[in-house]
Every structure is written in structure tokens, then in C-alpha cells.
């Protein structure tokens, strides 16, 4: 059995931490600054977390966003959770993706996360 990569993450990837969560740089970033917000307790689903864990993760999400705005100057963000294998979750330890977006990083970014279903993404063309 493969050990969970988020239970003992590489300390060099840690950006911020608090009592219940940590923010780490993504090992396979989609864009520069792609960050993961992870509960310290091994839990698979957002819906299994306590209110304290949720608050801690959202606090780090906000603080990490402010750091990225200052350091990388993104033009926007995608925030996402793949909750369950049907939703694309491959590491079974909850993590929130904070993905900085930059003007021109895609020819047409409209639709954002809707592109997980390409035939339904460009609803403005229908």
C-alpha cells in the first residue's frame, strides 16, 4: 500500500500552516503558484471534516490567495475539490486546489470548471 503523500508532505513545499490544516505547493502545478490546502487529519471527503477543519482550511485558502496576489499577481483563481473517485479524486486525502489564473493562459477561459464536461461547457453558444 502506498503511503499517503499528504499525511507527511515534504516540508520544503509547505507555504502556510495552522492548527488543523496546511497549504503546500502542488507537485504537479497547472499554473505557477498552484497550491493545495489540506487538513492535517487524514480524511477523504470535505463532507467528513469538522467545522474547525473547514474553518482552518478556508482561513488558509484566503491567506494563500493574498500571498499569491502579492507574489505572482494573478488575474483570477479557480478553486476546486475532487470529492470521490467519480469526481476525479486520485489522492484519497482531501485537498482544495487553489489555481491562480493569468490573462492569456488559455485562449478562452470562459466556463472555467465546467470544462470537465466539454460538451456542456460553452453554454453561451447554445
Protein backbone atom coordinates (compact mmCIF):
# COMPACT_ATOMS: atom_id res chain seq x y z
CA UNK A 1 0.00 0.00 0.00
CA UNK A 2 1.36 3.42 -0.99
CA UNK A 3 1.70 5.88 1.91
CA UNK A 4 -0.47 8.98 1.73
CA UNK A 5 1.57 11.85 0.21
CA UNK A 6 -0.38 14.45 2.22
CA UNK A 7 -0.01 12.91 5.69
CA UNK A 8 3.73 13.66 5.71
CA UNK A 9 4.34 16.20 2.93
CA UNK A 10 7.80 17.44 2.01
CA UNK A 11 8.41 20.38 4.39
CA UNK A 12 10.05 22.35 1.58
CA UNK A 13 6.63 22.53 -0.13
CA UNK A 14 4.83 23.96 2.92
CA UNK A 15 3.66 27.54 2.45
CA UNK A 16 1.41 28.12 5.48
CA UNK A 17 0.05 26.10 8.37
CA UNK A 18 -2.37 26.42 11.26
CA UNK A 19 -3.78 24.10 13.94
CA UNK A 20 -5.87 21.95 11.57
CA UNK A 21 -4.58 22.48 8.03
CA UNK A 22 -1.65 23.33 5.80
CA UNK A 23 -1.06 24.90 2.41
CA UNK A 24 1.55 23.29 0.16
CA UNK A 25 2.72 23.92 -3.37
CA UNK A 26 1.30 21.39 -5.82
CA UNK A 27 3.89 18.85 -7.00
CA UNK A 28 2.36 18.94 -10.50
CA UNK A 29 1.18 22.55 -10.85
CA UNK A 30 -1.34 23.51 -13.51
CA UNK A 31 -0.18 27.14 -13.34
CA UNK A 32 2.59 28.95 -11.42
CA UNK A 33 1.54 29.19 -7.78
CA UNK A 34 -0.90 26.23 -7.84
CA UNK A 35 -1.43 25.42 -4.16
CA UNK A 36 -3.18 22.68 -2.19
CA UNK A 37 -4.99 23.32 1.10
CA UNK A 38 -5.04 20.10 3.14
CA UNK A 39 -6.46 19.11 6.51
CA UNK A 40 -3.80 17.72 8.85
CA UNK A 41 -6.08 14.84 9.82
CA UNK A 42 -6.30 12.12 7.18
CA UNK A 43 -9.82 12.45 5.85
CA UNK A 44 -11.06 11.64 2.35
CA UNK A 45 -14.03 13.94 1.82
CA UNK A 46 -14.78 17.58 2.55
CA UNK A 47 -18.08 16.33 3.97
CA UNK A 48 -16.23 14.30 6.63
CA UNK A 49 -14.39 17.31 8.04
CA UNK A 50 -15.30 19.11 11.24
CA UNK A 51 -16.37 22.77 11.29
CA UNK A 52 -12.98 23.57 12.85
CA UNK A 53 -11.16 21.88 9.97
CA UNK A 54 -13.35 23.63 7.41
CA UNK A 55 -12.70 26.99 9.05
CA UNK A 56 -8.96 26.29 9.20
CA UNK A 57 -8.84 25.32 5.51
CA UNK A 58 -10.85 28.37 4.42
CA UNK A 59 -8.58 30.59 6.52
CA UNK A 60 -5.52 29.19 4.71
CA UNK A 61 -7.30 29.48 1.37
CA UNK A 62 -7.79 33.20 1.99
CA UNK A 63 -4.26 33.78 3.32
CA UNK A 64 -2.69 31.84 0.45
CA UNK A 65 -4.74 33.84 -2.06
CA UNK A 66 -3.37 37.06 -0.55
CA UNK A 67 0.21 35.74 -0.77
CA UNK A 68 -0.28 34.75 -4.40
CA UNK A 69 -1.80 38.13 -5.26
CA UNK A 70 1.25 39.82 -3.78
CA UNK A 71 3.92 37.47 -5.14
CA UNK A 72 2.56 36.34 -8.53
CA UNK A 73 -0.09 38.94 -9.44
CA UNK A 74 -2.64 36.50 -10.96
CA UNK A 75 -5.72 37.86 -12.70
CA UNK A 76 -8.11 35.32 -11.18
CA UNK A 77 -8.39 31.93 -9.46
CA UNK A 78 -10.03 28.54 -9.85
CA UNK A 79 -10.85 26.80 -6.58
CA UNK A 80 -11.77 23.14 -6.66
CA UNK A 81 -12.21 19.90 -4.79
CA UNK A 82 -12.36 16.50 -6.46
CA UNK A 83 -14.51 14.66 -3.88
CA UNK A 84 -14.67 10.93 -4.67
CA UNK A 85 -13.28 8.82 -7.49
CA UNK A 86 -16.25 9.66 -9.74
CA UNK A 87 -15.24 13.32 -9.40
CA UNK A 88 -11.63 12.57 -10.33
CA UNK A 89 -10.08 12.28 -6.87
CA UNK A 90 -6.83 10.30 -7.13
CA UNK A 91 -5.24 11.05 -3.73
CA UNK A 92 -7.73 9.94 -1.10
CA UNK A 93 -6.83 12.68 1.36
CA UNK A 94 -8.99 15.77 0.97
CA UNK A 95 -7.28 18.72 -0.70
CA UNK A 96 -8.55 22.01 -2.08
CA UNK A 97 -6.91 23.26 -5.26
CA UNK A 98 -6.19 26.99 -5.41
CA UNK A 99 -5.15 27.59 -9.00
CA UNK A 100 -4.01 31.09 -9.97
CA UNK A 101 -5.15 32.15 -13.43
CA UNK A 102 -3.34 34.56 -15.69
CA UNK A 103 -4.67 36.59 -18.59
CA UNK A 104 -3.83 34.61 -21.74
CA UNK A 105 -3.03 31.27 -20.00
CA UNK A 106 -5.84 29.81 -22.16
CA UNK A 107 -7.25 31.19 -25.40
CA UNK A 108 -10.79 31.33 -23.93
CA UNK A 109 -11.12 30.63 -20.20
CA UNK A 110 -14.91 31.14 -20.12
CA UNK A 111 -16.71 28.26 -18.47
CA UNK A 112 -13.88 27.53 -16.01
CA UNK A 113 -14.54 24.31 -14.15
CA UNK A 114 -17.44 23.49 -16.48
CA UNK A 115 -14.80 22.16 -18.91
CA UNK A 116 -14.77 18.85 -17.02
CA UNK A 117 -17.71 18.19 -19.39
CA UNK A 118 -16.56 19.84 -22.63
CA UNK A 119 -19.89 19.33 -24.45
CA UNK A 120 -21.64 21.35 -21.70
CA UNK A 121 -19.01 23.99 -21.02
CA UNK A 122 -19.69 26.61 -23.68
CA UNK A 123 -23.35 27.09 -22.77
CA UNK A 124 -23.25 30.66 -24.16
CA UNK A 125 -23.04 29.16 -27.67
CA UNK A 126 -26.25 27.15 -27.34
